[in-house]
Amino acid sequence: MLQTVEAIYDPQKGLAFSEAVNVTAPIKVWVTFAESSRFLTPKKGSAQALLNTLKMNSLPQTAQVSDADIDAQIQEISQSWES
């Protein structure tokens, strides 16, 4: 069963839950950083590093394809399968 609990992570103090949580054994958790990631330092190969790289090195306007052009390409390819 999934249960969402708010918590604050402090690098010095660790994880502090916003409400009482009774965990009696090791348990798997998923962590979502809800605020700005400016305090996170992504490691090489991470999704955040990739997104940062893409943001800083976007395609030039002349190389970008419109949504309509993408849809037309998808239609053309899917129709070629039917042939």
C-alpha atoms as a PDB file:
ATOM      1  CA  MET A   1       0.000   0.000   0.000  1.00  0.00           C
ATOM      2  CA  LEU A   2       1.335   3.445  -0.898  1.00  0.00           C
ATOM      3  CA  GLN A   3       1.149   6.218   1.673  1.00  0.00           C
ATOM      4  CA  THR A   4       2.335   9.780   1.178  1.00  0.00           C
ATOM      5  CA  VAL A   5       3.939  11.565   4.111  1.00  0.00           C
ATOM      6  CA  GLU A   6       5.450  15.041   3.989  1.00  0.00           C
ATOM      7  CA  ALA A   7       9.004  15.363   5.235  1.00  0.00           C
ATOM      8  CA  ILE A   8      11.935  17.768   5.195  1.00  0.00           C
ATOM      9  CA  TYR A   9      15.395  16.516   4.318  1.00  0.00           C
ATOM     10  CA  ASP A  10      18.293  18.398   5.873  1.00  0.00           C
ATOM     11  CA  PRO A  11      21.765  17.211   4.803  1.00  0.00           C
ATOM     12  CA  GLN A  12      23.036  17.671   8.366  1.00  0.00           C
ATOM     13  CA  LYS A  13      20.052  16.283  10.315  1.00  0.00           C
ATOM     14  CA  GLY A  14      18.571  13.777   7.894  1.00  0.00           C
ATOM     15  CA  LEU A  15      14.873  13.229   7.247  1.00  0.00           C
ATOM     16  CA  ALA A  16      12.256  14.845   9.510  1.00  0.00           C
ATOM     17  CA  PHE A  17       8.626  13.840   9.011  1.00  0.00           C
ATOM     18  CA  SER A  18       5.865  16.449   9.346  1.00  0.00           C
ATOM     19  CA  GLU A  19       3.689  13.975  11.261  1.00  0.00           C
ATOM     20  CA  ALA A  20       4.227  10.966  13.493  1.00  0.00           C
ATOM     21  CA  VAL A  21       5.451   7.951  11.521  1.00  0.00           C
ATOM     22  CA  ASN A  22       5.983   4.559  13.119  1.00  0.00           C
ATOM     23  CA  VAL A  23       8.469   2.530  11.064  1.00  0.00           C
ATOM     24  CA  THR A  24       9.666  -0.598  12.851  1.00  0.00           C
ATOM     25  CA  ALA A  25      11.801  -2.158  10.097  1.00  0.00           C
ATOM     26  CA  PRO A  26      13.661  -1.064   6.970  1.00  0.00           C
ATOM     27  CA  ILE A  27      11.205   0.025   4.289  1.00  0.00           C
ATOM     28  CA  LYS A  28      11.515   1.136   0.662  1.00  0.00           C
ATOM     29  CA  VAL A  29      10.564   4.760   0.020  1.00  0.00           C
ATOM     30  CA  TRP A  30      10.390   6.996  -3.038  1.00  0.00           C
ATOM     31  CA  VAL A  31      11.548  10.574  -2.723  1.00  0.00           C
ATOM     32  CA  THR A  32      10.164  13.450  -4.800  1.00  0.00           C
ATOM     33  CA  PHE A  33      11.843  16.825  -4.436  1.00  0.00           C
ATOM     34  CA  ALA A  34       8.876  19.196  -4.426  1.00  0.00           C
ATOM     35  CA  GLU A  35      10.811  22.452  -4.403  1.00  0.00           C
ATOM     36  CA  SER A  36      13.448  23.958  -6.645  1.00  0.00           C
ATOM     37  CA  SER A  37      16.366  21.689  -7.384  1.00  0.00           C
ATOM     38  CA  ARG A  38      18.891  24.521  -6.997  1.00  0.00           C
ATOM     39  CA  PHE A  39      20.297  22.770  -3.904  1.00  0.00           C
ATOM     40  CA  LEU A  40      20.724  19.443  -5.688  1.00  0.00           C
ATOM     41  CA  THR A  41      23.949  18.665  -7.509  1.00  0.00           C
ATOM     42  CA  PRO A  42      23.152  16.133 -10.228  1.00  0.00           C
ATOM     43  CA  LYS A  43      25.730  13.465 -10.962  1.00  0.00           C
ATOM     44  CA  LYS A  44      27.010  12.779 -14.454  1.00  0.00           C
ATOM     45  CA  GLY A  45      24.483  10.682 -16.334  1.00  0.00           C
ATOM     46  CA  SER A  46      21.502  11.768 -14.235  1.00  0.00           C
ATOM     47  CA  ALA A  47      18.164  12.815 -15.726  1.00  0.00           C
ATOM     48  CA  GLN A  48      18.511  16.254 -14.135  1.00  0.00           C
ATOM     49  CA  ALA A  49      21.941  16.726 -15.718  1.00  0.00           C
ATOM     50  CA  LEU A  50      20.477  15.776 -19.108  1.00  0.00           C
ATOM     51  CA  LEU A  51      17.586  18.226 -18.715  1.00  0.00           C
ATOM     52  CA  ASN A  52      19.990  20.997 -17.693  1.00  0.00           C
ATOM     53  CA  THR A  53      22.183  20.281 -20.719  1.00  0.00           C
ATOM     54  CA  LEU A  54      19.211  20.306 -23.079  1.00  0.00           C
ATOM     55  CA  LYS A  55      17.974  23.578 -21.595  1.00  0.00           C
ATOM     56  CA  MET A  56      21.374  25.238 -21.977  1.00  0.00           C
ATOM     57  CA  ASN A  57      21.978  23.838 -25.493  1.00  0.00           C
ATOM     58  CA  SER A  58      18.604  23.997 -27.222  1.00  0.00           C
ATOM     59  CA  LEU A  59      18.281  23.537 -30.964  1.00  0.00           C
ATOM     60  CA  PRO A  60      18.506  26.676 -33.081  1.00  0.00           C
ATOM     61  CA  GLN A  61      15.122  27.996 -34.184  1.00  0.00           C
ATOM     62  CA  THR A  62      15.838  26.930 -37.792  1.00  0.00           C
ATOM     63  CA  ALA A  63      16.276  23.277 -36.716  1.00  0.00           C
ATOM     64  CA  GLN A  64      13.096  23.101 -34.639  1.00  0.00           C
ATOM     65  CA  VAL A  65      10.071  21.320 -36.126  1.00  0.00           C
ATOM     66  CA  SER A  66       6.501  22.499 -35.514  1.00  0.00           C
ATOM     67  CA  ASP A  67       3.858  20.290 -33.928  1.00  0.00           C
ATOM     68  CA  ALA A  68       1.980  20.201 -37.252  1.00  0.00           C
ATOM     69  CA  ASP A  69       5.118  18.997 -39.068  1.00  0.00           C
ATOM     70  CA  ILE A  70       5.664  16.266 -36.476  1.00  0.00           C
ATOM     71  CA  ASP A  71       2.025  15.143 -36.841  1.00  0.00           C
ATOM     72  CA  ALA A  72       2.417  15.070 -40.637  1.00  0.00           C
ATOM     73  CA  GLN A  73       5.581  12.961 -40.338  1.00  0.00           C
ATOM     74  CA  ILE A  74       3.824  10.517 -37.991  1.00  0.00           C
ATOM     75  CA  GLN A  75       0.892  10.211 -40.417  1.00  0.00           C
ATOM     76  CA  GLU A  76       3.251   9.644 -43.352  1.00  0.00           C
ATOM     77  CA  ILE A  77       5.154   6.905 -41.497  1.00  0.00           C
ATOM     78  CA  SER A  78       2.039   5.171 -40.196  1.00  0.00           C
ATOM     79  CA  GLN A  79       0.496   5.180 -43.700  1.00  0.00           C
ATOM     80  CA  SER A  80       3.689   3.666 -45.125  1.00  0.00           C
ATOM     81  CA  TRP A  81       3.249   0.691 -42.752  1.00  0.00           C
ATOM     82  CA  GLU A  82      -0.173  -0.010 -44.240  1.00  0.00           C
ATOM     83  CA  SER A  83       1.219  -0.249 -47.782  1.00  0.00           C
END
